[in-house]
C-alpha cells in the first residue's frame, strides 16, 4: 500500500452509528486530577481495558474500547458542565460524588404496531401493487405474521426486505434481521443450545437467530443485554424442516410463553410480554427473552416446492397470512402483452429497471415479452429473471444480439426447468422460435437459436430430446 519504512498496515473500520457533540469535549476535561479517585479504580480493574493509564493519559492503541458505566457517568457529568449536552440514548444516574453509578437503558415499549402502513418502493413494480399493499397492512394490523409465496423471481425477497426496512422506522421496532433458511436447520440454529463455555469450564446455553431478535447478549457473562425488537425476515422458508427448526416458536407466534429446556442462572424462557410493568421487571433477567405484540416474522416461500408447502403443519400455517405474489398476466384477448416491457411506458418493468435504452433496440422488447409468455406456458418464472436476462444481454457485445438472447435463456432459464419431463422440455424449446401474436397486432418470434438451445438442453439435463421414451 506504499507504506513508508517502519509503518505497519492497519484496518479502517467505519462506524455505523455515532453521535457528534455540538462542541468538542477536551480529553483533559475528563482525565483531570480532580477526578482521580473515580478514575484510578477503573484503571486498576481487571474487568476493563480503559482508554487511560495511571497518569491519566490516553493509552496508545486502546481508544476504541467498551466504556464502564462509571466512566460513562463521569463523561456525562463533564459533558453537561462543559458543553451543555447529555450522552444520547441512555440515562446515567450518579449517586453522590462517589464512584457508585447505575446505567438505566430505556425499556422497549410493549405497544402493538398501531395502524401499520406500508408503501411498496418505487424500484418494485407489481401489476396489483395496491392490493398487495392492502393485504400486507391488513395482515400486520390484525396481528399476523406474513409469508410471501409465488414462483421464482416475482419479487418476494425484495418485498420482504422492503417491509423490514419500513418496520425498522417505527418507534416500536429496532431493526430487522435477514437470513436464508437451509435444510440443515434445527432448533439449535434457530433457538440456541449448549456450547462450550468461554472460560473452558463446562458448557453453557448460547442463543441463536430467533432469540437474538429479542435480546442482545450482555457484555459480560450473566449480564443482561439490551432488550430489542428486531423483526425476522427468512428467505426461502420452505428449504427448512419447518417443525424441526421452528418447534419452540409455535407457541410464541400465537402470543403464548414457553420455557426452553435450558438453564443459565435461571430457566431460559421466551416470554410473550404485552404489559409495560412486566417488561420493566424482567429487563434485568438475561434468561428471559421478551416478545412484544409489535414483533413479526416475515417469510418467503417458493411455491414450486409444493411438497414442502404441504408438509408444513397446520399449527404452523395458521400463524401466518399467506400473500401470493404471482407472475403478472402476460397475455390479453389481443395477444401477448408488450406494455410490461414497453420502453416508452411510464409505469412498467422497463421503467423500474432503467433498461429503456436497451429495450428500444430493434424488437427486443416485443421479443422478450413473447419469450417470457412462452416460458410461462410450461414453467412460471417471474420478472426478476427477465431482468437478469436483459442485464446479461446489455453486457454482451451488441453485434451478437441473437447469440446473447440464446445464451441468456440457457444460463438463466434452464436452471429453473429442473424436473420437467423430456417431451415437455422439447415442446418448450421448439416453441421458443415460433411466432406469437402480440397486442399491437403483429406476430413476433424471439430471435433465439433452436439448434443451440437443443444442444445445451441435452447437455444441461443429460437427456436425448429425440428419444421417444
Protein backbone atom coordinates (compact mmCIF):
# COMPACT_ATOMS: atom_id res chain seq x y z
CA UNK A 1 0.00 0.00 0.00
CA UNK A 2 3.03 2.27 -0.34
CA UNK A 3 3.75 2.44 3.38
CA UNK A 4 6.96 4.10 4.48
CA UNK A 5 9.61 2.01 6.17
CA UNK A 6 8.65 1.19 9.73
CA UNK A 7 4.95 1.77 9.18
CA UNK A 8 2.54 -1.09 9.61
CA UNK A 9 -0.72 -1.96 7.81
CA UNK A 10 -3.90 -1.03 9.65
CA UNK A 11 -7.61 -1.67 9.43
CA UNK A 12 -10.04 1.13 8.77
CA UNK A 13 -13.45 0.31 10.26
CA UNK A 14 -16.20 2.88 9.52
CA UNK A 15 -18.58 3.49 12.41
CA UNK A 16 -22.17 2.53 11.64
CA UNK A 17 -23.56 4.90 14.27
CA UNK A 18 -22.01 7.75 16.19
CA UNK A 19 -23.07 10.97 17.92
CA UNK A 20 -21.18 14.17 17.27
CA UNK A 21 -21.30 16.78 20.04
CA UNK A 22 -22.24 20.34 19.13
CA UNK A 23 -18.93 21.43 20.71
CA UNK A 24 -15.87 19.23 21.27
CA UNK A 25 -15.20 17.86 24.77
CA UNK A 26 -11.50 18.10 25.64
CA UNK A 27 -9.90 14.87 26.82
CA UNK A 28 -8.16 16.68 29.69
CA UNK A 29 -11.53 17.90 30.97
CA UNK A 30 -12.40 14.29 31.74
CA UNK A 31 -8.96 12.85 32.53
CA UNK A 32 -8.39 15.52 35.14
CA UNK A 33 -6.64 15.10 38.52
CA UNK A 34 -9.79 16.22 40.36
CA UNK A 35 -11.47 13.01 39.15
CA UNK A 36 -8.53 10.80 40.15
CA UNK A 37 -10.42 8.98 42.90
CA UNK A 38 -13.08 7.94 40.43
CA UNK A 39 -10.80 7.09 37.51
CA UNK A 40 -7.91 5.15 39.06
CA UNK A 41 -10.06 2.29 40.43
CA UNK A 42 -11.31 1.72 36.87
CA UNK A 43 -7.75 1.69 35.55
CA UNK A 44 -6.76 -0.91 38.17
CA UNK A 45 -9.76 -3.13 37.47
CA UNK A 46 -9.13 -6.38 35.61
CA UNK A 47 -12.67 -6.21 34.19
CA UNK A 48 -11.99 -3.29 31.88
CA UNK A 49 -9.50 -2.22 29.26
CA UNK A 50 -9.93 1.52 29.71
CA UNK A 51 -8.54 4.23 27.44
CA UNK A 52 -6.30 5.87 30.06
CA UNK A 53 -3.31 4.91 32.22
CA UNK A 54 -2.38 5.63 35.86
CA UNK A 55 -1.03 9.03 34.85
CA UNK A 56 -4.46 9.88 33.40
CA UNK A 57 -3.06 9.99 29.88
CA UNK A 58 -4.59 8.20 26.90
CA UNK A 59 -3.42 4.64 26.37
CA UNK A 60 -1.98 4.25 22.90
CA UNK A 61 -3.87 1.60 20.95
CA UNK A 62 -6.85 1.46 23.33
CA UNK A 63 -9.02 4.28 22.03
CA UNK A 64 -11.93 2.11 20.84
CA UNK A 65 -12.93 0.16 23.94
CA UNK A 66 -16.03 -0.70 25.94
CA UNK A 67 -16.85 2.07 28.42
CA UNK A 68 -17.62 1.08 32.05
CA UNK A 69 -20.79 2.63 33.46
CA UNK A 70 -18.77 4.64 35.98
CA UNK A 71 -16.62 6.19 33.24
CA UNK A 72 -19.67 6.90 31.09
CA UNK A 73 -21.31 8.65 34.04
CA UNK A 74 -18.26 10.86 34.53
CA UNK A 75 -18.13 11.74 30.83
CA UNK A 76 -21.81 12.64 31.01
CA UNK A 77 -21.24 14.93 34.00
CA UNK A 78 -18.35 16.74 32.36
CA UNK A 79 -20.20 16.95 29.06
CA UNK A 80 -23.11 18.70 30.73
CA UNK A 81 -20.81 21.10 32.60
CA UNK A 82 -18.53 21.99 29.70
CA UNK A 83 -20.73 21.65 26.63
CA UNK A 84 -24.29 21.65 27.93
CA UNK A 85 -25.22 18.31 26.32
CA UNK A 86 -26.06 14.85 27.63
CA UNK A 87 -24.99 11.49 26.30
CA UNK A 88 -27.61 10.21 23.84
CA UNK A 89 -29.70 7.03 24.10
CA UNK A 90 -29.12 6.36 27.80
CA UNK A 91 -29.89 7.95 31.15
CA UNK A 92 -26.91 7.71 33.51
CA UNK A 93 -27.52 8.30 37.20
CA UNK A 94 -24.68 9.16 39.57
CA UNK A 95 -25.02 8.62 43.31
CA UNK A 96 -23.40 11.48 45.24
CA UNK A 97 -19.77 12.22 44.50
CA UNK A 98 -18.50 8.66 44.93
CA UNK A 99 -17.94 6.00 42.32
CA UNK A 100 -21.25 4.18 42.59
CA UNK A 101 -23.24 4.59 39.40
CA UNK A 102 -26.01 2.80 37.58
CA UNK A 103 -26.85 2.82 33.91
CA UNK A 104 -30.53 2.50 33.05
CA UNK A 105 -31.40 1.81 29.43
CA UNK A 106 -34.85 2.76 28.23
CA UNK A 107 -37.17 -0.25 28.29
CA UNK A 108 -38.76 -1.06 24.92
CA UNK A 109 -42.44 -0.43 24.55
CA UNK A 110 -44.93 -3.31 24.65
CA UNK A 111 -47.34 -1.45 22.38
CA UNK A 112 -48.69 -3.02 19.21
CA UNK A 113 -47.88 -1.73 15.72
CA UNK A 114 -50.76 0.76 15.84
CA UNK A 115 -52.04 1.20 12.26
CA UNK A 116 -49.01 -0.02 10.34
CA UNK A 117 -48.82 1.49 6.86
CA UNK A 118 -46.62 0.26 4.03
CA UNK A 119 -45.58 1.85 0.76
CA UNK A 120 -44.15 -0.51 -1.84
CA UNK A 121 -40.86 1.06 -3.03
CA UNK A 122 -40.78 2.61 -6.47
CA UNK A 123 -37.99 0.23 -7.53
CA UNK A 124 -40.51 -2.64 -7.36
CA UNK A 125 -43.25 -2.96 -9.95
CA UNK A 126 -46.36 -5.06 -9.45
CA UNK A 127 -49.46 -5.02 -11.62
CA UNK A 128 -51.60 -5.22 -8.47
CA UNK A 129 -49.36 -3.26 -6.09
CA UNK A 130 -52.27 -1.59 -4.28
CA UNK A 131 -53.90 -4.92 -3.49
CA UNK A 132 -50.60 -6.34 -2.23
CA UNK A 133 -50.18 -3.25 -0.03
CA UNK A 134 -53.69 -3.69 1.39
CA UNK A 135 -53.03 -7.36 2.13
CA UNK A 136 -49.77 -6.57 3.92
CA UNK A 137 -51.29 -3.84 6.06
CA UNK A 138 -54.34 -5.93 6.96
CA UNK A 139 -52.19 -8.89 7.95
CA UNK A 140 -49.86 -6.89 10.17
CA UNK A 141 -52.59 -4.78 11.76
CA UNK A 142 -54.59 -7.90 12.60
CA UNK A 143 -51.59 -9.32 14.45
CA UNK A 144 -50.48 -11.85 11.83
CA UNK A 145 -47.06 -12.80 10.55
CA UNK A 146 -46.61 -12.98 6.77
CA UNK A 147 -45.30 -15.46 4.22
CA UNK A 148 -44.97 -14.21 0.63
CA UNK A 149 -45.50 -17.09 -1.81
CA UNK A 150 -45.06 -17.37 -5.55
CA UNK A 151 -42.83 -18.62 -8.37
CA UNK A 152 -39.13 -17.71 -8.56
CA UNK A 153 -38.32 -14.13 -9.48
CA UNK A 154 -41.63 -12.45 -8.64
CA UNK A 155 -40.06 -10.04 -6.12
CA UNK A 156 -40.89 -11.84 -2.87
CA UNK A 157 -37.48 -11.32 -1.30
CA UNK A 158 -37.28 -7.65 -2.27
CA UNK A 159 -40.79 -7.10 -0.90
CA UNK A 160 -39.97 -8.80 2.41
CA UNK A 161 -36.77 -6.77 2.75
CA UNK A 162 -38.59 -3.52 2.00
CA UNK A 163 -41.17 -4.43 4.65
CA UNK A 164 -38.38 -4.99 7.18
CA UNK A 165 -36.85 -1.62 6.31
CA UNK A 166 -40.23 0.07 6.77
CA UNK A 167 -40.76 -1.64 10.12
CA UNK A 168 -37.34 -0.51 11.35
CA UNK A 169 -38.52 3.09 11.05
CA UNK A 170 -41.30 2.50 13.57
CA UNK A 171 -40.74 3.50 17.18
CA UNK A 172 -41.75 0.06 18.46
CA UNK A 173 -39.26 -1.76 16.16
CA UNK A 174 -35.48 -1.51 16.49
CA UNK A 175 -34.40 -3.17 13.24
CA UNK A 176 -34.84 -6.32 11.18
CA UNK A 177 -32.65 -9.38 10.64
CA UNK A 178 -32.43 -11.08 7.23
CA UNK A 179 -31.46 -14.73 6.91
CA UNK A 180 -31.94 -17.59 4.44
CA UNK A 181 -33.28 -20.94 5.63
CA UNK A 182 -31.39 -24.16 4.93
CA UNK A 183 -32.34 -27.82 5.01
CA UNK A 184 -29.87 -28.35 7.85
CA UNK A 185 -31.63 -26.02 10.27
CA UNK A 186 -32.56 -27.41 13.67
CA UNK A 187 -33.74 -25.67 16.82
CA UNK A 188 -30.04 -25.31 17.71
CA UNK A 189 -29.59 -22.97 14.73
CA UNK A 190 -32.81 -21.04 15.26
CA UNK A 191 -33.37 -21.00 19.04
CA UNK A 192 -29.99 -21.94 20.50
CA UNK A 193 -28.34 -24.71 22.50
CA UNK A 194 -25.43 -25.80 24.63
CA UNK A 195 -21.91 -24.87 23.54
CA UNK A 196 -18.52 -24.99 25.35
CA UNK A 197 -18.27 -22.17 27.88
CA UNK A 198 -15.97 -19.26 27.04
CA UNK A 199 -13.88 -19.96 30.13
CA UNK A 200 -13.47 -23.62 29.13
CA UNK A 201 -15.33 -24.77 32.22
CA UNK A 202 -18.23 -26.96 31.07
CA UNK A 203 -20.99 -25.91 28.71
CA UNK A 204 -23.42 -23.02 28.57
CA UNK A 205 -26.55 -22.04 26.67
CA UNK A 206 -25.99 -19.80 23.67
CA UNK A 207 -28.97 -18.06 21.98
CA UNK A 208 -29.19 -18.04 18.20
CA UNK A 209 -31.12 -16.35 15.39
CA UNK A 210 -34.60 -16.10 16.92
CA UNK A 211 -33.63 -15.24 20.47
CA UNK A 212 -31.16 -12.60 19.29
CA UNK A 213 -34.16 -10.76 17.81
CA UNK A 214 -35.49 -10.24 21.35
CA UNK A 215 -32.42 -9.55 23.45
CA UNK A 216 -28.79 -8.76 22.73
CA UNK A 217 -26.05 -10.63 24.55
CA UNK A 218 -24.61 -8.85 27.59
CA UNK A 219 -21.08 -7.51 27.56
CA UNK A 220 -20.08 -9.95 30.30
CA UNK A 221 -21.43 -13.48 31.02
CA UNK A 222 -24.59 -13.31 33.07
CA UNK A 223 -25.06 -9.60 32.39
CA UNK A 224 -28.45 -8.74 30.87
CA UNK A 225 -28.15 -7.49 27.33
CA UNK A 226 -30.42 -4.82 25.93
CA UNK A 227 -33.98 -5.87 25.11
CA UNK A 228 -34.69 -5.30 21.42
CA UNK A 229 -37.48 -5.85 18.93
CA UNK A 230 -35.92 -6.89 15.64
CA UNK A 231 -38.20 -8.37 13.01
CA UNK A 232 -37.02 -11.62 11.46
CA UNK A 233 -37.10 -11.94 7.65
CA UNK A 234 -36.48 -15.51 6.47
CA UNK A 235 -35.92 -16.07 2.76
CA UNK A 236 -36.78 -19.45 1.18
CA UNK A 237 -38.54 -20.58 4.35
CA UNK A 238 -39.57 -23.92 2.85
CA UNK A 239 -35.95 -25.00 2.44
CA UNK A 240 -36.01 -25.89 6.14
CA UNK A 241 -37.71 -28.71 8.01
CA UNK A 242 -40.30 -26.37 9.49
CA UNK A 243 -41.43 -28.37 12.51
CA UNK A 244 -37.89 -29.38 13.46
CA UNK A 245 -36.45 -25.88 13.15
CA UNK A 246 -39.34 -23.81 14.50
CA UNK A 247 -40.93 -26.03 17.14
CA UNK A 248 -40.40 -23.86 20.23
CA UNK A 249 -41.51 -20.76 18.36
CA UNK A 250 -45.02 -22.06 17.55
CA UNK A 251 -46.50 -21.02 20.89
CA UNK A 252 -44.81 -17.62 20.82
CA UNK A 253 -46.28 -16.88 17.39
CA UNK A 254 -49.71 -17.32 18.98
CA UNK A 255 -48.99 -14.99 21.87
CA UNK A 256 -48.01 -17.61 24.46
CA UNK A 257 -44.82 -18.02 26.51
CA UNK A 258 -42.62 -21.09 26.50
CA UNK A 259 -39.88 -22.40 28.76
CA UNK A 260 -36.89 -23.82 26.91
CA UNK A 261 -35.07 -26.96 28.11
CA UNK A 262 -32.02 -24.93 29.14
CA UNK A 263 -30.80 -23.18 32.27
CA UNK A 264 -28.27 -20.49 32.92
CA UNK A 265 -28.71 -18.64 36.21
CA UNK A 266 -32.44 -19.12 35.62
CA UNK A 267 -34.64 -21.18 33.34
CA UNK A 268 -34.31 -19.85 29.78
CA UNK A 269 -37.69 -18.62 28.60
CA UNK A 270 -39.29 -16.94 25.60
CA UNK A 271 -41.98 -14.81 27.16
CA UNK A 272 -44.82 -13.02 25.46
CA UNK A 273 -44.98 -9.58 27.09
CA UNK A 274 -47.75 -7.06 26.46
CA UNK A 275 -47.57 -5.25 29.81
CA UNK A 276 -45.09 -2.42 30.33
CA UNK A 277 -44.60 -3.10 34.05
CA UNK A 278 -43.79 -6.74 33.33
CA UNK A 279 -41.30 -5.66 30.67
CA UNK A 280 -39.52 -3.43 33.16
CA UNK A 281 -39.48 -6.18 35.78
CA UNK A 282 -37.73 -8.69 33.50
CA UNK A 283 -35.27 -6.26 31.93
CA UNK A 284 -32.54 -7.32 34.37
CA UNK A 285 -33.07 -11.07 33.82
CA UNK A 286 -30.81 -12.14 30.92
CA UNK A 287 -32.53 -15.53 30.69
CA UNK A 288 -35.93 -14.15 29.67
CA UNK A 289 -36.28 -13.21 26.00
CA UNK A 290 -39.38 -10.99 25.69
CA UNK A 291 -41.55 -10.94 22.57
CA UNK A 292 -43.90 -7.98 22.20
CA UNK A 293 -47.07 -7.57 20.09
CA UNK A 294 -45.05 -5.42 17.68
CA UNK A 295 -42.73 -8.28 16.66
CA UNK A 296 -43.28 -10.09 13.36
CA UNK A 297 -41.77 -12.91 11.33
CA UNK A 298 -41.77 -12.32 7.57
CA UNK A 299 -41.01 -15.24 5.28
CA UNK A 300 -40.79 -16.02 1.58
CA UNK A 301 -41.65 -19.35 0.02
CA UNK A 302 -41.15 -20.76 -3.46
CA UNK A 303 -44.43 -22.45 -4.41
CA UNK A 304 -42.67 -24.77 -6.88
CA UNK A 305 -41.67 -26.91 -3.94
CA UNK A 306 -45.24 -27.92 -3.19
CA UNK A 307 -44.10 -30.97 -1.21
CA UNK A 308 -42.51 -28.69 1.35
CA UNK A 309 -45.51 -26.38 1.31
CA UNK A 310 -47.96 -29.12 2.20
CA UNK A 311 -45.64 -30.81 4.68
CA UNK A 312 -45.90 -27.74 6.88
CA UNK A 313 -48.11 -28.46 9.85
CA UNK A 314 -51.41 -26.66 10.14
CA UNK A 315 -50.22 -25.50 13.56
CA UNK A 316 -47.51 -23.54 11.77
CA UNK A 317 -49.54 -22.39 8.76
CA UNK A 318 -52.40 -20.88 10.75
CA UNK A 319 -49.99 -18.46 12.43
CA UNK A 320 -49.35 -16.71 9.12
CA UNK A 321 -51.14 -14.85 6.39
CA UNK A 322 -50.01 -16.22 3.04
CA UNK A 323 -49.80 -13.43 0.47
CA UNK A 324 -49.42 -14.58 -3.12
CA UNK A 325 -47.01 -12.66 -5.36
CA UNK A 326 -47.85 -14.02 -8.82
CA UNK A 327 -46.39 -13.61 -12.26
CA UNK A 328 -48.43 -10.84 -13.94
CA UNK A 329 -50.89 -11.74 -16.68
CA UNK A 330 -48.74 -11.96 -19.79
CA UNK A 331 -51.48 -12.06 -22.42
CA UNK A 332 -54.81 -10.42 -23.25
CA UNK A 333 -57.52 -11.24 -25.78
CA UNK A 334 -55.45 -9.29 -28.31
CA UNK A 335 -52.28 -11.32 -27.81
CA UNK A 336 -49.12 -11.26 -25.72
CA UNK A 337 -48.81 -8.15 -23.55
CA UNK A 338 -46.00 -5.88 -24.63
CA UNK A 339 -46.82 -2.97 -22.32
CA UNK A 340 -44.99 -4.57 -19.38
CA UNK A 341 -41.66 -4.12 -21.18
CA UNK A 342 -42.54 -1.13 -23.35
CA UNK A 343 -39.55 1.26 -23.17
CA UNK A 344 -41.90 4.19 -23.72
CA UNK A 345 -44.12 3.25 -20.78
CA UNK A 346 -44.12 5.29 -17.58
CA UNK A 347 -45.23 2.61 -15.14
CA UNK A 348 -43.91 -0.82 -16.02
CA UNK A 349 -40.92 -3.11 -15.56
CA UNK A 350 -38.83 -1.33 -18.20
CA UNK A 351 -39.11 1.99 -16.35
CA UNK A 352 -38.42 0.47 -12.94
CA UNK A 353 -35.36 -1.43 -14.15
CA UNK A 354 -33.93 1.54 -16.06
CA UNK A 355 -33.43 -0.54 -19.22
CA UNK A 356 -35.44 1.61 -21.60
CA UNK A 357 -32.48 2.27 -23.90
CA UNK A 358 -31.71 -1.42 -24.29
CA UNK A 359 -35.33 -2.33 -24.97
CA UNK A 360 -35.55 0.19 -27.83
CA UNK A 361 -33.03 -1.91 -29.76
CA UNK A 362 -34.88 -3.48 -32.68
CA UNK A 363 -37.82 -5.56 -31.47
CA UNK A 364 -36.08 -6.70 -28.28
CA UNK A 365 -38.92 -5.52 -26.01
CA UNK A 366 -41.53 -7.46 -28.01
CA UNK A 367 -39.26 -10.50 -28.43
CA UNK A 368 -38.62 -10.64 -24.69
CA UNK A 369 -42.35 -10.28 -23.98
CA UNK A 370 -43.11 -13.24 -26.27
CA UNK A 371 -40.24 -15.27 -24.83
CA UNK A 372 -41.47 -14.62 -21.27
CA UNK A 373 -45.01 -15.62 -22.26
CA UNK A 374 -43.86 -18.87 -23.93
CA UNK A 375 -41.71 -19.87 -20.98
CA UNK A 376 -44.61 -19.35 -18.62
CA UNK A 377 -46.78 -21.75 -20.58
CA UNK A 378 -44.52 -24.50 -19.25
CA UNK A 379 -42.90 -23.16 -16.09
CA UNK A 380 -43.75 -19.95 -14.22
CA UNK A 381 -40.84 -17.52 -13.93
CA UNK A 382 -41.07 -14.05 -12.50
CA UNK A 383 -39.90 -10.69 -13.82
CA UNK A 384 -36.65 -10.71 -11.83
CA UNK A 385 -35.35 -13.49 -14.09
CA UNK A 386 -36.35 -11.47 -17.16
CA UNK A 387 -34.43 -8.51 -15.71
CA UNK A 388 -31.37 -10.73 -15.20
CA UNK A 389 -31.58 -11.85 -18.82
CA UNK A 390 -31.82 -8.27 -20.08
CA UNK A 391 -28.87 -7.12 -17.97
CA UNK A 392 -26.86 -10.03 -19.39
CA UNK A 393 -27.82 -9.01 -22.94
CA UNK A 394 -26.87 -5.42 -22.18
CA UNK A 395 -23.40 -6.55 -21.14
CA UNK A 396 -22.98 -8.72 -24.27
CA UNK A 397 -21.30 -7.44 -27.40
CA UNK A 398 -24.07 -5.56 -29.30
CA UNK A 399 -23.29 -7.19 -32.63
CA UNK A 400 -24.30 -10.63 -31.27
CA UNK A 401 -27.84 -9.89 -30.02
CA UNK A 402 -29.34 -13.25 -31.08
CA UNK A 403 -26.46 -15.14 -29.52
CA UNK A 404 -26.84 -13.13 -26.32
CA UNK A 405 -30.57 -13.87 -26.11
CA UNK A 406 -29.96 -17.58 -26.65
CA UNK A 407 -27.21 -17.70 -24.04
CA UNK A 408 -29.41 -15.78 -21.58
CA UNK A 409 -32.10 -18.46 -21.89
CA UNK A 410 -29.54 -21.21 -21.32
CA UNK A 411 -27.81 -19.64 -18.32
CA UNK A 412 -30.79 -18.11 -16.52
CA UNK A 413 -33.88 -20.05 -17.57
CA UNK A 414 -32.60 -23.61 -17.86
CA UNK A 415 -31.80 -23.86 -14.13
CA UNK A 416 -35.48 -23.08 -13.47
CA UNK A 417 -36.61 -26.03 -15.63
CA UNK A 418 -35.24 -28.87 -13.49
CA UNK A 419 -37.75 -31.68 -13.14
CA UNK A 420 -39.56 -31.18 -16.44
CA UNK A 421 -40.19 -34.32 -18.50
CA UNK A 422 -38.07 -34.66 -21.68
CA UNK A 423 -41.08 -34.30 -24.00
CA UNK A 424 -42.23 -31.18 -22.19
CA UNK A 425 -38.72 -29.73 -22.46
CA UNK A 426 -38.63 -30.49 -26.16
CA UNK A 427 -42.04 -28.89 -26.65
CA UNK A 428 -40.88 -25.78 -24.83
CA UNK A 429 -37.64 -25.46 -26.78
CA UNK A 430 -39.35 -25.96 -30.15
CA UNK A 431 -41.96 -23.34 -29.27
CA UNK A 432 -39.43 -20.63 -28.46
CA UNK A 433 -38.70 -19.90 -32.13
CA UNK A 434 -42.35 -19.81 -33.19
CA UNK A 435 -44.09 -16.53 -33.88
CA UNK A 436 -46.77 -15.31 -31.48
CA UNK A 437 -49.45 -12.66 -31.89
CA UNK A 438 -48.88 -9.63 -29.68
CA UNK A 439 -51.30 -6.95 -28.52
CA UNK A 440 -50.02 -4.47 -31.12
CA UNK A 441 -51.42 -6.61 -33.95
CA UNK A 442 -48.06 -8.07 -35.04
CA UNK A 443 -46.63 -11.58 -34.96
CA UNK A 444 -43.26 -11.69 -33.21
CA UNK A 445 -40.78 -14.58 -32.93
CA UNK A 446 -37.84 -14.46 -30.45
CA UNK A 447 -34.51 -14.46 -32.30
CA UNK A 448 -33.05 -17.45 -30.46
CA UNK A 449 -31.24 -20.43 -31.99
CA UNK A 450 -33.27 -23.64 -31.72
CA UNK A 451 -30.21 -25.79 -32.50
CA UNK A 452 -28.13 -24.15 -29.79
CA UNK A 453 -30.95 -24.46 -27.27
CA UNK A 454 -31.40 -28.15 -28.09
CA UNK A 455 -27.66 -28.91 -27.78
CA UNK A 456 -27.37 -27.05 -24.48
CA UNK A 457 -30.54 -28.65 -23.12
CA UNK A 458 -29.32 -32.18 -23.87
CA UNK A 459 -26.04 -31.40 -22.13
CA UNK A 460 -27.59 -29.47 -19.20
CA UNK A 461 -30.33 -32.01 -18.41
CA UNK A 462 -28.42 -35.11 -19.59
CA UNK A 463 -31.26 -36.20 -21.86
CA UNK A 464 -31.78 -37.04 -25.53
CA UNK A 465 -34.51 -34.73 -26.79
CA UNK A 466 -35.08 -37.00 -29.79
CA UNK A 467 -35.82 -40.01 -27.56
CA UNK A 468 -39.45 -41.21 -27.71
CA UNK A 469 -39.42 -42.52 -24.10
